[in-house]
Amino acid sequence: MTLYQTTFDIFNRNYMGSAAMAVIGQSCLGGAAAMYVLANGTSIPQMIQLAIIVLACVFANTSILAQMKHKVVFNLLLLSSILSVVFILLNTLIL
């Protein structure tokens, strides 16, 4: 099994606990990403980055609250986390 499938199986088996922890974790990670983006100013590129982070986190949280299929929730959580980490690294190391 791949890492993705193994992680999804664990997430799916313990969905209620995993979803609750995911909301907390990805919201904190998204908040940190927003902080790093805004630390570099408030120009148009930073506002676009901020909008992407906020939308990704909102979609992930909404998918949990709307009780979408577990695979959709898992994929949105992954996307949100990856985007947050990318923007943290981008604004820390490059910009």
N, C-alpha and C. Protein backbone atom coordinates (compact mmCIF):
# COMPACT_ATOMS: atom_id res chain seq x y z
N MET A 1 0.83 -1.19 0.00
CA MET A 1 0.00 0.00 0.00
C MET A 1 0.87 1.25 0.00
N THR A 2 0.35 2.26 -0.62
CA THR A 2 1.09 3.52 -0.65
C THR A 2 0.88 4.29 0.66
N LEU A 3 1.71 5.27 0.86
CA LEU A 3 1.58 6.10 2.06
C LEU A 3 0.23 6.80 2.09
N TYR A 4 -0.20 7.29 0.92
CA TYR A 4 -1.50 7.96 0.83
C TYR A 4 -2.63 7.03 1.25
N GLN A 5 -2.65 5.83 0.70
CA GLN A 5 -3.73 4.89 0.99
C GLN A 5 -3.71 4.45 2.45
N THR A 6 -2.52 4.21 2.98
CA THR A 6 -2.40 3.81 4.38
C THR A 6 -2.91 4.92 5.30
N THR A 7 -2.51 6.16 5.02
CA THR A 7 -2.94 7.29 5.84
C THR A 7 -4.45 7.50 5.72
N PHE A 8 -4.98 7.36 4.51
CA PHE A 8 -6.42 7.51 4.33
C PHE A 8 -7.19 6.43 5.08
N ASP A 9 -6.69 5.20 5.08
CA ASP A 9 -7.37 4.12 5.81
C ASP A 9 -7.43 4.41 7.30
N ILE A 10 -6.33 4.93 7.85
CA ILE A 10 -6.32 5.29 9.27
C ILE A 10 -7.30 6.43 9.53
N PHE A 11 -7.28 7.44 8.66
CA PHE A 11 -8.19 8.58 8.78
C PHE A 11 -9.65 8.11 8.70
N ASN A 12 -9.94 7.21 7.77
CA ASN A 12 -11.30 6.72 7.55
C ASN A 12 -11.79 5.89 8.74
N ARG A 13 -10.92 5.05 9.30
CA ARG A 13 -11.31 4.21 10.44
C ARG A 13 -11.64 5.05 11.67
N ASN A 14 -10.88 6.09 11.89
CA ASN A 14 -11.06 6.95 13.07
C ASN A 14 -11.55 8.34 12.64
N TYR A 15 -12.58 8.38 11.82
CA TYR A 15 -12.97 9.62 11.16
C TYR A 15 -13.33 10.73 12.15
N MET A 16 -14.14 10.44 13.14
CA MET A 16 -14.59 11.51 14.04
C MET A 16 -13.43 12.17 14.78
N GLY A 17 -12.55 11.39 15.33
CA GLY A 17 -11.39 11.95 16.02
C GLY A 17 -10.42 12.62 15.08
N SER A 18 -10.19 11.97 13.93
CA SER A 18 -9.26 12.53 12.95
C SER A 18 -9.77 13.84 12.39
N ALA A 19 -11.05 13.93 12.11
CA ALA A 19 -11.62 15.16 11.57
C ALA A 19 -11.52 16.29 12.59
N ALA A 20 -11.79 15.98 13.85
CA ALA A 20 -11.70 17.01 14.89
C ALA A 20 -10.27 17.52 15.03
N MET A 21 -9.31 16.61 15.04
CA MET A 21 -7.91 17.02 15.13
C MET A 21 -7.45 17.75 13.88
N ALA A 22 -7.99 17.36 12.74
CA ALA A 22 -7.60 18.00 11.48
C ALA A 22 -8.07 19.44 11.43
N VAL A 23 -9.27 19.71 11.94
CA VAL A 23 -9.77 21.09 11.96
C VAL A 23 -8.83 21.97 12.78
N ILE A 24 -8.45 21.48 13.94
CA ILE A 24 -7.56 22.25 14.80
C ILE A 24 -6.19 22.43 14.15
N GLY A 25 -5.63 21.33 13.66
CA GLY A 25 -4.29 21.37 13.08
C GLY A 25 -4.18 22.22 11.84
N GLN A 26 -5.07 22.01 10.89
CA GLN A 26 -4.96 22.76 9.64
C GLN A 26 -5.36 24.21 9.83
N SER A 27 -6.23 24.51 10.78
CA SER A 27 -6.56 25.91 11.06
C SER A 27 -5.36 26.65 11.66
N CYS A 28 -4.65 26.00 12.56
CA CYS A 28 -3.44 26.60 13.14
C CYS A 28 -2.36 26.78 12.08
N LEU A 29 -2.19 25.77 11.24
CA LEU A 29 -1.20 25.85 10.17
C LEU A 29 -1.56 26.95 9.18
N GLY A 30 -2.83 27.07 8.84
CA GLY A 30 -3.29 28.14 7.96
C GLY A 30 -3.09 29.51 8.58
N GLY A 31 -3.33 29.63 9.86
CA GLY A 31 -3.09 30.89 10.55
C GLY A 31 -1.62 31.28 10.55
N ALA A 32 -0.74 30.29 10.74
CA ALA A 32 0.70 30.56 10.69
C ALA A 32 1.12 30.98 9.29
N ALA A 33 0.56 30.33 8.28
CA ALA A 33 0.87 30.70 6.90
C ALA A 33 0.42 32.13 6.61
N ALA A 34 -0.77 32.48 7.08
CA ALA A 34 -1.27 33.85 6.89
C ALA A 34 -0.36 34.86 7.58
N MET A 35 0.14 34.51 8.75
CA MET A 35 1.04 35.40 9.48
C MET A 35 2.34 35.62 8.70
N TYR A 36 2.89 34.54 8.15
CA TYR A 36 4.13 34.67 7.38
C TYR A 36 3.92 35.47 6.10
N VAL A 37 2.78 35.31 5.47
CA VAL A 37 2.49 36.08 4.26
C VAL A 37 2.38 37.56 4.61
N LEU A 38 1.64 37.88 5.65
CA LEU A 38 1.43 39.28 6.01
C LEU A 38 2.67 39.93 6.61
N ALA A 39 3.62 39.13 7.07
CA ALA A 39 4.87 39.68 7.60
C ALA A 39 5.69 40.34 6.50
N ASN A 40 5.43 39.97 5.25
CA ASN A 40 6.16 40.54 4.12
C ASN A 40 5.45 41.73 3.49
N GLY A 41 4.38 42.20 4.09
CA GLY A 41 3.69 43.37 3.57
C GLY A 41 2.26 43.06 3.15
N THR A 42 1.63 44.07 2.55
CA THR A 42 0.23 43.92 2.15
C THR A 42 0.02 44.31 0.69
N SER A 43 0.97 43.96 -0.14
CA SER A 43 0.84 44.27 -1.56
C SER A 43 -0.08 43.24 -2.23
N ILE A 44 -0.33 43.42 -3.50
CA ILE A 44 -1.23 42.53 -4.25
C ILE A 44 -0.76 41.07 -4.22
N PRO A 45 0.54 40.78 -4.45
CA PRO A 45 0.95 39.36 -4.39
C PRO A 45 0.70 38.72 -3.02
N GLN A 46 0.91 39.46 -1.96
CA GLN A 46 0.64 38.92 -0.62
C GLN A 46 -0.85 38.69 -0.40
N MET A 47 -1.67 39.59 -0.92
CA MET A 47 -3.11 39.43 -0.76
C MET A 47 -3.63 38.23 -1.56
N ILE A 48 -3.02 37.97 -2.71
CA ILE A 48 -3.41 36.78 -3.49
C ILE A 48 -3.02 35.52 -2.73
N GLN A 49 -1.81 35.51 -2.17
CA GLN A 49 -1.38 34.36 -1.36
C GLN A 49 -2.30 34.17 -0.16
N LEU A 50 -2.65 35.26 0.49
CA LEU A 50 -3.54 35.18 1.65
C LEU A 50 -4.91 34.63 1.27
N ALA A 51 -5.43 35.07 0.13
CA ALA A 51 -6.73 34.58 -0.33
C ALA A 51 -6.68 33.08 -0.62
N ILE A 52 -5.60 32.62 -1.21
CA ILE A 52 -5.46 31.19 -1.50
C ILE A 52 -5.44 30.38 -0.21
N ILE A 53 -4.69 30.84 0.78
CA ILE A 53 -4.61 30.13 2.05
C ILE A 53 -5.96 30.10 2.75
N VAL A 54 -6.62 31.25 2.81
CA VAL A 54 -7.91 31.33 3.49
C VAL A 54 -8.94 30.44 2.81
N LEU A 55 -9.01 30.49 1.49
CA LEU A 55 -9.97 29.65 0.76
C LEU A 55 -9.70 28.17 0.96
N ALA A 56 -8.44 27.77 0.94
CA ALA A 56 -8.10 26.36 1.14
C ALA A 56 -8.54 25.89 2.53
N CYS A 57 -8.29 26.71 3.54
CA CYS A 57 -8.69 26.34 4.91
C CYS A 57 -10.21 26.34 5.07
N VAL A 58 -10.87 27.30 4.46
CA VAL A 58 -12.33 27.36 4.55
C VAL A 58 -12.96 26.15 3.86
N PHE A 59 -12.45 25.78 2.68
CA PHE A 59 -12.98 24.62 1.98
C PHE A 59 -12.78 23.34 2.80
N ALA A 60 -11.62 23.20 3.43
CA ALA A 60 -11.35 22.01 4.24
C ALA A 60 -12.30 21.94 5.44
N ASN A 61 -12.45 23.06 6.14
CA ASN A 61 -13.34 23.07 7.30
C ASN A 61 -14.80 22.88 6.89
N THR A 62 -15.19 23.47 5.78
CA THR A 62 -16.56 23.33 5.30
C THR A 62 -16.87 21.90 4.89
N SER A 63 -15.90 21.23 4.29
CA SER A 63 -16.12 19.85 3.88
C SER A 63 -16.38 18.95 5.08
N ILE A 64 -15.73 19.23 6.19
CA ILE A 64 -15.97 18.45 7.41
C ILE A 64 -17.35 18.76 7.97
N LEU A 65 -17.68 20.05 8.05
CA LEU A 65 -18.98 20.43 8.60
C LEU A 65 -20.14 19.99 7.72
N ALA A 66 -19.92 19.93 6.41
CA ALA A 66 -20.98 19.52 5.48
C ALA A 66 -21.08 18.00 5.37
N GLN A 67 -20.23 17.29 6.08
CA GLN A 67 -20.22 15.82 6.11
C GLN A 67 -20.09 15.23 4.72
N MET A 68 -19.13 15.76 3.96
CA MET A 68 -18.85 15.23 2.64
C MET A 68 -18.20 13.86 2.77
N LYS A 69 -18.00 13.20 1.64
CA LYS A 69 -17.36 11.89 1.66
C LYS A 69 -15.98 12.01 2.29
N HIS A 70 -15.59 10.97 2.98
CA HIS A 70 -14.34 11.00 3.73
C HIS A 70 -13.13 11.24 2.81
N LYS A 71 -13.16 10.70 1.61
CA LYS A 71 -12.04 10.88 0.68
C LYS A 71 -11.93 12.35 0.25
N VAL A 72 -13.05 13.01 0.03
CA VAL A 72 -13.04 14.43 -0.34
C VAL A 72 -12.47 15.26 0.81
N VAL A 73 -12.91 14.97 2.02
CA VAL A 73 -12.42 15.68 3.21
C VAL A 73 -10.92 15.49 3.34
N PHE A 74 -10.47 14.25 3.21
CA PHE A 74 -9.05 13.93 3.34
C PHE A 74 -8.23 14.68 2.29
N ASN A 75 -8.70 14.68 1.05
CA ASN A 75 -7.97 15.36 -0.01
C ASN A 75 -7.92 16.87 0.20
N LEU A 76 -9.01 17.45 0.67
CA LEU A 76 -9.01 18.89 0.93
C LEU A 76 -8.11 19.25 2.12
N LEU A 77 -8.07 18.38 3.11
CA LEU A 77 -7.16 18.61 4.24
C LEU A 77 -5.71 18.55 3.79
N LEU A 78 -5.40 17.57 2.93
CA LEU A 78 -4.05 17.47 2.39
C LEU A 78 -3.68 18.71 1.58
N LEU A 79 -4.59 19.13 0.71
CA LEU A 79 -4.35 20.30 -0.12
C LEU A 79 -4.12 21.55 0.74
N SER A 80 -4.95 21.73 1.74
CA SER A 80 -4.83 22.88 2.63
C SER A 80 -3.49 22.86 3.37
N SER A 81 -3.11 21.71 3.87
CA SER A 81 -1.85 21.60 4.61
C SER A 81 -0.65 21.83 3.70
N ILE A 82 -0.68 21.26 2.52
CA ILE A 82 0.44 21.43 1.58
C ILE A 82 0.57 22.89 1.16
N LEU A 83 -0.55 23.53 0.84
CA LEU A 83 -0.50 24.94 0.46
C LEU A 83 0.03 25.81 1.60
N SER A 84 -0.39 25.53 2.81
CA SER A 84 0.08 26.32 3.95
C SER A 84 1.58 26.16 4.13
N VAL A 85 2.07 24.94 4.06
CA VAL A 85 3.51 24.71 4.22
C VAL A 85 4.29 25.37 3.09
N VAL A 86 3.79 25.28 1.86
CA VAL A 86 4.47 25.90 0.72
C VAL A 86 4.55 27.41 0.91
N PHE A 87 3.46 28.05 1.34
CA PHE A 87 3.49 29.50 1.52
C PHE A 87 4.34 29.92 2.71
N ILE A 88 4.40 29.09 3.74
CA ILE A 88 5.30 29.38 4.86
C ILE A 88 6.74 29.34 4.37
N LEU A 89 7.10 28.28 3.66
CA LEU A 89 8.47 28.17 3.16
C LEU A 89 8.79 29.28 2.15
N LEU A 90 7.85 29.57 1.28
CA LEU A 90 8.06 30.61 0.27
C LEU A 90 8.33 31.96 0.92
N ASN A 91 7.54 32.30 1.91
CA ASN A 91 7.68 33.61 2.54
C ASN A 91 8.81 33.67 3.57
N THR A 92 9.27 32.53 4.04
CA THR A 92 10.38 32.50 4.97
C THR A 92 11.73 32.50 4.24
N LEU A 93 11.84 31.65 3.24
CA LEU A 93 13.13 31.44 2.60
C LEU A 93 13.37 32.31 1.38
N ILE A 94 12.34 32.57 0.60
CA ILE A 94 12.54 33.24 -0.68
C ILE A 94 12.22 34.72 -0.63
N LEU A 95 11.05 35.06 -0.13
CA LEU A 95 10.63 36.47 -0.16
C LEU A 95 11.17 37.28 0.99
